[in-house]
Amino acid sequence: MAGREHRYEVRVEWSGNLGSGTSGYRTYARDHWIEVAGHPRIPGSSDPVFRGDPARYNPEELLVAALSACHMLAYLQSASRGSGLLTESGTAGRARRAAAAPPAPPAS
């Protein structure tokens, strides 16, 4: 993938104006919508510790989810190239067989 550039466009729209904008820390909601063309909107807010709505996703949860998904997808791709076999069992993935074989280091 060297030399390839990938661009992702996301729109974040604040929806927490309760009438007086951001005139004070307690006068606005942290609610917002995360939008990506062609996908359902994601309801966002801050963590409840920072006056956010616990029913909405907070940025920290989404960051951990994104990192976890990238890690999982990289692992699946790696397993598909080697001698690993991953299967799904119910709601949890299970490794039936996996072997890690990193490339040999360059000769010195």
Protein backbone atom coordinates (compact mmCIF):
# COMPACT_ATOMS: atom_id res chain seq x y z
CA MET A 1 0.00 0.00 0.00
CA ALA A 2 3.04 2.26 -0.06
CA GLY A 3 2.44 5.41 -2.02
CA ARG A 4 -1.35 5.28 -1.77
CA GLU A 5 -3.27 8.03 -0.09
CA HIS A 6 -6.68 7.45 1.43
CA ARG A 7 -9.00 10.32 2.27
CA TYR A 8 -12.06 10.13 4.51
CA GLU A 9 -14.60 12.89 4.81
CA VAL A 10 -16.70 13.20 7.94
CA ARG A 11 -19.08 15.96 8.95
CA VAL A 12 -19.75 16.77 12.61
CA GLU A 13 -22.77 18.95 13.33
CA TRP A 14 -23.40 20.36 16.80
CA SER A 15 -27.06 20.02 17.81
CA GLY A 16 -26.82 21.10 21.44
CA ASN A 17 -27.82 24.75 21.31
CA LEU A 18 -30.39 25.11 24.11
CA GLY A 19 -31.18 28.72 23.23
CA SER A 20 -28.20 30.76 24.35
CA GLY A 21 -25.38 29.03 22.46
CA THR A 22 -22.20 28.62 24.45
CA SER A 23 -22.81 31.55 26.79
CA GLY A 24 -21.82 29.37 29.75
CA TYR A 25 -20.44 25.91 30.47
CA ARG A 26 -23.82 24.65 31.69
CA THR A 27 -25.96 26.38 29.06
CA TYR A 28 -25.44 24.01 26.14
CA ALA A 29 -25.73 20.32 25.42
CA ARG A 30 -22.77 18.42 24.02
CA ASP A 31 -25.00 16.62 21.50
CA HIS A 32 -23.82 16.36 17.94
CA TRP A 33 -24.23 14.21 14.85
CA ILE A 34 -21.42 12.49 13.00
CA GLU A 35 -22.15 12.05 9.30
CA VAL A 36 -20.43 10.14 6.53
CA ALA A 37 -22.01 10.20 3.08
CA GLY A 38 -24.00 7.05 2.39
CA HIS A 39 -24.09 5.88 6.03
CA PRO A 40 -26.53 6.31 8.94
CA ARG A 41 -25.84 9.29 11.19
CA ILE A 42 -24.10 8.56 14.48
CA PRO A 43 -25.45 10.33 17.60
CA GLY A 44 -22.57 11.81 19.57
CA SER A 45 -22.03 13.66 22.82
CA SER A 46 -19.25 14.07 25.35
CA ASP A 47 -18.60 11.60 28.12
CA PRO A 48 -21.19 12.01 30.92
CA VAL A 49 -18.36 13.22 33.20
CA PHE A 50 -18.24 16.28 30.92
CA ARG A 51 -22.03 16.82 30.92
CA GLY A 52 -22.63 14.51 27.96
CA ASP A 53 -25.62 12.33 27.15
CA PRO A 54 -24.86 8.72 28.18
CA ALA A 55 -27.26 7.42 25.50
CA ARG A 56 -24.99 8.81 22.76
CA TYR A 57 -21.51 7.72 21.70
CA ASN A 58 -18.65 9.82 23.02
CA PRO A 59 -15.44 10.51 21.09
CA GLU A 60 -13.37 8.35 23.42
CA GLU A 61 -15.59 5.31 22.78
CA LEU A 62 -15.45 5.90 19.04
CA LEU A 63 -11.66 6.28 19.10
CA VAL A 64 -11.25 2.97 20.97
CA ALA A 65 -13.74 1.33 18.57
CA ALA A 66 -11.84 2.63 15.53
CA LEU A 67 -8.50 1.43 16.88
CA SER A 68 -9.97 -1.96 17.81
CA ALA A 69 -11.57 -2.39 14.38
CA CYS A 70 -8.29 -1.47 12.62
CA HIS A 71 -6.42 -3.98 14.78
CA MET A 72 -8.98 -6.71 14.10
CA LEU A 73 -8.97 -6.07 10.34
CA ALA A 74 -5.16 -6.10 10.20
CA TYR A 75 -5.16 -9.38 12.14
CA LEU A 76 -7.72 -10.93 9.78
CA GLN A 77 -5.73 -9.81 6.75
CA SER A 78 -2.56 -11.23 8.25
CA ALA A 79 -4.25 -14.54 9.03
CA SER A 80 -5.58 -14.78 5.48
CA ARG A 81 -2.04 -14.56 4.09
CA GLY A 82 -0.50 -17.10 6.44
CA SER A 83 -1.50 -20.40 7.90
CA GLY A 84 -4.17 -19.05 10.22
CA LEU A 85 -7.84 -19.86 10.11
CA LEU A 86 -10.34 -17.74 12.01
CA THR A 87 -13.98 -18.67 12.42
CA GLU A 88 -16.94 -17.04 14.07
CA SER A 89 -18.80 -18.76 16.86
CA GLY A 90 -22.01 -17.06 18.01
CA THR A 91 -21.20 -13.47 18.81
CA ALA A 92 -17.48 -13.98 19.43
CA GLY A 93 -14.70 -14.68 16.96
CA ARG A 94 -12.56 -17.64 17.78
CA ALA A 95 -9.16 -18.54 16.44
CA ARG A 96 -9.18 -22.22 15.50
CA ARG A 97 -5.63 -22.13 14.29
CA ALA A 98 -3.10 -19.33 13.93
CA ALA A 99 0.56 -19.11 13.20
CA ALA A 100 2.58 -15.93 13.15
CA ALA A 101 5.51 -15.91 10.81
CA PRO A 102 7.08 -12.45 10.62
CA PRO A 103 9.20 -11.77 7.57
CA ALA A 104 12.90 -12.54 7.96
CA PRO A 105 14.99 -9.47 8.77
CA PRO A 106 17.18 -8.17 5.95
CA ALA A 107 20.60 -9.74 5.77
CA SER A 108 23.28 -7.54 7.23
